[in-house]
Amino acid sequence: INNSFNDAEAKMREGSNGNKVSLVGSPKDVKPAGFDGALMRCQDIKTINEKADGTLAKGPTEVITPVCIWADYSTVGMVVAVDVGGALTGKGIPQEDVAALAAKLYNTSRTKI
């Protein structure tokens, strides 16, 4: 799972138009309500736009994007969530909310065979 955060950072850097992209801290284990049978970790990715000035025209100078990744014996999933309105004001989605969304996606994607 930890290498997946490096992959997410690299993909965000590819589409960043020269912005600085970096992982914040280390991945942390999370266990949202109703999430059983897999491992989930979350970490934030910070994007710094040196061309921005915080206005609507030029955008925020910094955006924090939470990333949550789960893995079990047969699946791996990654959830990256951005609230565009919040990002414009410098506020991102709380990591706990992204973990809850990832848990919901994990639970709805599982099908008994």
C-alpha atoms as a PDB file:
ATOM      1  CA  ILE A   1       0.000   0.000   0.000  1.00  0.00           C
ATOM      2  CA  ASN A   2       2.752   2.462   0.908  1.00  0.00           C
ATOM      3  CA  ASN A   3       4.213   2.405  -2.615  1.00  0.00           C
ATOM      4  CA  SER A   4       0.775   3.293  -3.969  1.00  0.00           C
ATOM      5  CA  PHE A   5       1.060   6.698  -2.281  1.00  0.00           C
ATOM      6  CA  ASN A   6       4.292   7.296  -4.198  1.00  0.00           C
ATOM      7  CA  ASP A   7       2.437   6.350  -7.392  1.00  0.00           C
ATOM      8  CA  ALA A   8      -0.390   8.779  -6.539  1.00  0.00           C
ATOM      9  CA  GLU A   9       2.134  11.553  -5.901  1.00  0.00           C
ATOM     10  CA  ALA A  10       3.852  10.846  -9.252  1.00  0.00           C
ATOM     11  CA  LYS A  11       0.533  10.879 -11.144  1.00  0.00           C
ATOM     12  CA  MET A  12      -0.478  14.166  -9.523  1.00  0.00           C
ATOM     13  CA  ARG A  13       2.933  15.621 -10.364  1.00  0.00           C
ATOM     14  CA  GLU A  14       2.481  14.610 -14.043  1.00  0.00           C
ATOM     15  CA  GLY A  15      -0.718  16.641 -14.304  1.00  0.00           C
ATOM     16  CA  SER A  16       0.378  19.524 -12.097  1.00  0.00           C
ATOM     17  CA  ASN A  17       1.541  22.024 -14.752  1.00  0.00           C
ATOM     18  CA  GLY A  18       4.810  22.589 -12.914  1.00  0.00           C
ATOM     19  CA  ASN A  19       3.317  22.934  -9.436  1.00  0.00           C
ATOM     20  CA  LYS A  20       5.196  21.462  -6.483  1.00  0.00           C
ATOM     21  CA  VAL A  21       3.593  18.201  -5.308  1.00  0.00           C
ATOM     22  CA  SER A  22       4.651  16.340  -2.171  1.00  0.00           C
ATOM     23  CA  LEU A  23       3.399  13.753   0.289  1.00  0.00           C
ATOM     24  CA  VAL A  24       2.600  15.088   3.767  1.00  0.00           C
ATOM     25  CA  GLY A  25       3.811  12.938   6.648  1.00  0.00           C
ATOM     26  CA  SER A  26       3.481   9.159   6.495  1.00  0.00           C
ATOM     27  CA  PRO A  27       0.536   6.904   5.623  1.00  0.00           C
ATOM     28  CA  LYS A  28      -1.590   6.144   8.664  1.00  0.00           C
ATOM     29  CA  ASP A  29      -3.793   3.142   9.297  1.00  0.00           C
ATOM     30  CA  VAL A  30      -7.500   3.982   9.449  1.00  0.00           C
ATOM     31  CA  LYS A  31     -10.535   1.859  10.234  1.00  0.00           C
ATOM     32  CA  PRO A  32     -13.743   3.693   9.337  1.00  0.00           C
ATOM     33  CA  ALA A  33     -17.068   2.365  10.623  1.00  0.00           C
ATOM     34  CA  GLY A  34     -18.249  -0.702   8.706  1.00  0.00           C
ATOM     35  CA  PHE A  35     -14.855  -1.379   7.115  1.00  0.00           C
ATOM     36  CA  ASP A  36     -13.784  -4.966   7.795  1.00  0.00           C
ATOM     37  CA  GLY A  37     -11.613  -7.529   6.027  1.00  0.00           C
ATOM     38  CA  ALA A  38      -8.989  -5.250   4.503  1.00  0.00           C
ATOM     39  CA  LEU A  39      -6.257  -2.768   5.355  1.00  0.00           C
ATOM     40  CA  MET A  40      -6.726   0.948   4.674  1.00  0.00           C
ATOM     41  CA  ARG A  41      -4.198   3.742   4.949  1.00  0.00           C
ATOM     42  CA  CYS A  42      -4.598   7.446   4.256  1.00  0.00           C
ATOM     43  CA  GLN A  43      -2.133  10.235   3.549  1.00  0.00           C
ATOM     44  CA  ASP A  44      -2.383  13.814   2.291  1.00  0.00           C
ATOM     45  CA  ILE A  45      -0.746  15.163  -0.850  1.00  0.00           C
ATOM     46  CA  LYS A  46       0.100  18.864  -0.906  1.00  0.00           C
ATOM     47  CA  THR A  47       0.192  20.872  -4.129  1.00  0.00           C
ATOM     48  CA  ILE A  48       1.787  24.327  -4.102  1.00  0.00           C
ATOM     49  CA  ASN A  49       0.964  26.638  -6.998  1.00  0.00           C
ATOM     50  CA  GLU A  50       3.536  29.433  -7.080  1.00  0.00           C
ATOM     51  CA  LYS A  51       1.604  31.215  -9.856  1.00  0.00           C
ATOM     52  CA  ALA A  52      -1.531  31.487  -7.724  1.00  0.00           C
ATOM     53  CA  ASP A  53      -2.447  34.324  -5.404  1.00  0.00           C
ATOM     54  CA  GLY A  54      -5.521  32.926  -3.663  1.00  0.00           C
ATOM     55  CA  THR A  55      -8.018  34.721  -5.878  1.00  0.00           C
ATOM     56  CA  LEU A  56     -10.702  32.998  -7.934  1.00  0.00           C
ATOM     57  CA  ALA A  57      -8.885  34.073 -11.091  1.00  0.00           C
ATOM     58  CA  LYS A  58      -5.502  32.550 -10.218  1.00  0.00           C
ATOM     59  CA  GLY A  59      -6.558  29.891  -7.717  1.00  0.00           C
ATOM     60  CA  PRO A  60      -5.324  28.813  -4.306  1.00  0.00           C
ATOM     61  CA  THR A  61      -1.637  28.851  -3.474  1.00  0.00           C
ATOM     62  CA  GLU A  62      -1.884  25.494  -1.694  1.00  0.00           C
ATOM     63  CA  VAL A  63      -4.249  22.522  -1.940  1.00  0.00           C
ATOM     64  CA  ILE A  64      -4.250  19.513   0.377  1.00  0.00           C
ATOM     65  CA  THR A  65      -5.697  16.379  -1.243  1.00  0.00           C
ATOM     66  CA  PRO A  66      -6.424  13.358   0.953  1.00  0.00           C
ATOM     67  CA  VAL A  67      -5.735   9.923  -0.547  1.00  0.00           C
ATOM     68  CA  CYS A  68      -7.007   6.667   0.981  1.00  0.00           C
ATOM     69  CA  ILE A  69      -5.952   3.233  -0.286  1.00  0.00           C
ATOM     70  CA  TRP A  70      -7.331  -0.162   0.708  1.00  0.00           C
ATOM     71  CA  ALA A  71      -6.036  -3.646  -0.009  1.00  0.00           C
ATOM     72  CA  ASP A  72      -7.281  -7.139   0.776  1.00  0.00           C
ATOM     73  CA  TYR A  73      -6.372 -10.544  -0.618  1.00  0.00           C
ATOM     74  CA  SER A  74      -7.765  -9.814  -4.080  1.00  0.00           C
ATOM     75  CA  THR A  75      -8.336  -6.070  -4.531  1.00  0.00           C
ATOM     76  CA  VAL A  76      -6.617  -2.730  -4.209  1.00  0.00           C
ATOM     77  CA  GLY A  77      -8.487   0.540  -4.422  1.00  0.00           C
ATOM     78  CA  MET A  78      -7.508   4.196  -4.237  1.00  0.00           C
ATOM     79  CA  VAL A  79      -9.812   7.102  -3.451  1.00  0.00           C
ATOM     80  CA  VAL A  80      -8.654  10.664  -4.087  1.00  0.00           C
ATOM     81  CA  ALA A  81     -11.211  13.319  -3.206  1.00  0.00           C
ATOM     82  CA  VAL A  82     -11.253  17.010  -4.067  1.00  0.00           C
ATOM     83  CA  ASP A  83     -13.925  19.541  -3.161  1.00  0.00           C
ATOM     84  CA  VAL A  84     -13.366  22.205  -5.816  1.00  0.00           C
ATOM     85  CA  GLY A  85     -15.264  24.869  -3.890  1.00  0.00           C
ATOM     86  CA  GLY A  86     -13.335  24.080  -0.738  1.00  0.00           C
ATOM     87  CA  ALA A  87     -10.033  23.947  -2.599  1.00  0.00           C
ATOM     88  CA  LEU A  88     -10.592  27.484  -3.879  1.00  0.00           C
ATOM     89  CA  THR A  89     -10.771  28.684  -0.285  1.00  0.00           C
ATOM     90  CA  GLY A  90      -7.808  26.577   0.827  1.00  0.00           C
ATOM     91  CA  LYS A  91      -9.887  23.952   2.630  1.00  0.00           C
ATOM     92  CA  GLY A  92      -9.843  20.327   1.623  1.00  0.00           C
ATOM     93  CA  ILE A  93     -12.040  17.390   2.487  1.00  0.00           C
ATOM     94  CA  PRO A  94     -11.196  15.920   5.903  1.00  0.00           C
ATOM     95  CA  GLN A  95      -9.210  12.690   5.640  1.00  0.00           C
ATOM     96  CA  GLU A  96     -11.827  10.905   7.805  1.00  0.00           C
ATOM     97  CA  ASP A  97     -14.524  11.716   5.222  1.00  0.00           C
ATOM     98  CA  VAL A  98     -12.395  10.300   2.400  1.00  0.00           C
ATOM     99  CA  ALA A  99     -11.761   7.156   4.464  1.00  0.00           C
ATOM    100  CA  ALA A 100     -15.527   6.767   5.014  1.00  0.00           C
ATOM    101  CA  LEU A 101     -16.119   7.166   1.259  1.00  0.00           C
ATOM    102  CA  ALA A 102     -13.393   4.604   0.500  1.00  0.00           C
ATOM    103  CA  ALA A 103     -15.012   2.174   2.959  1.00  0.00           C
ATOM    104  CA  LYS A 104     -18.384   2.653   1.264  1.00  0.00           C
ATOM    105  CA  LEU A 105     -16.852   1.991  -2.162  1.00  0.00           C
ATOM    106  CA  TYR A 106     -15.026  -1.061  -0.833  1.00  0.00           C
ATOM    107  CA  ASN A 107     -18.191  -2.512   0.687  1.00  0.00           C
ATOM    108  CA  THR A 108     -20.355  -1.878  -2.390  1.00  0.00           C
ATOM    109  CA  SER A 109     -17.729  -3.287  -4.767  1.00  0.00           C
ATOM    110  CA  ARG A 110     -17.506  -6.669  -3.048  1.00  0.00           C
ATOM    111  CA  THR A 111     -19.605  -9.413  -4.605  1.00  0.00           C
ATOM    112  CA  LYS A 112     -19.895 -12.987  -3.411  1.00  0.00           C
ATOM    113  CA  ILE A 113     -19.066 -15.565  -6.058  1.00  0.00           C
END
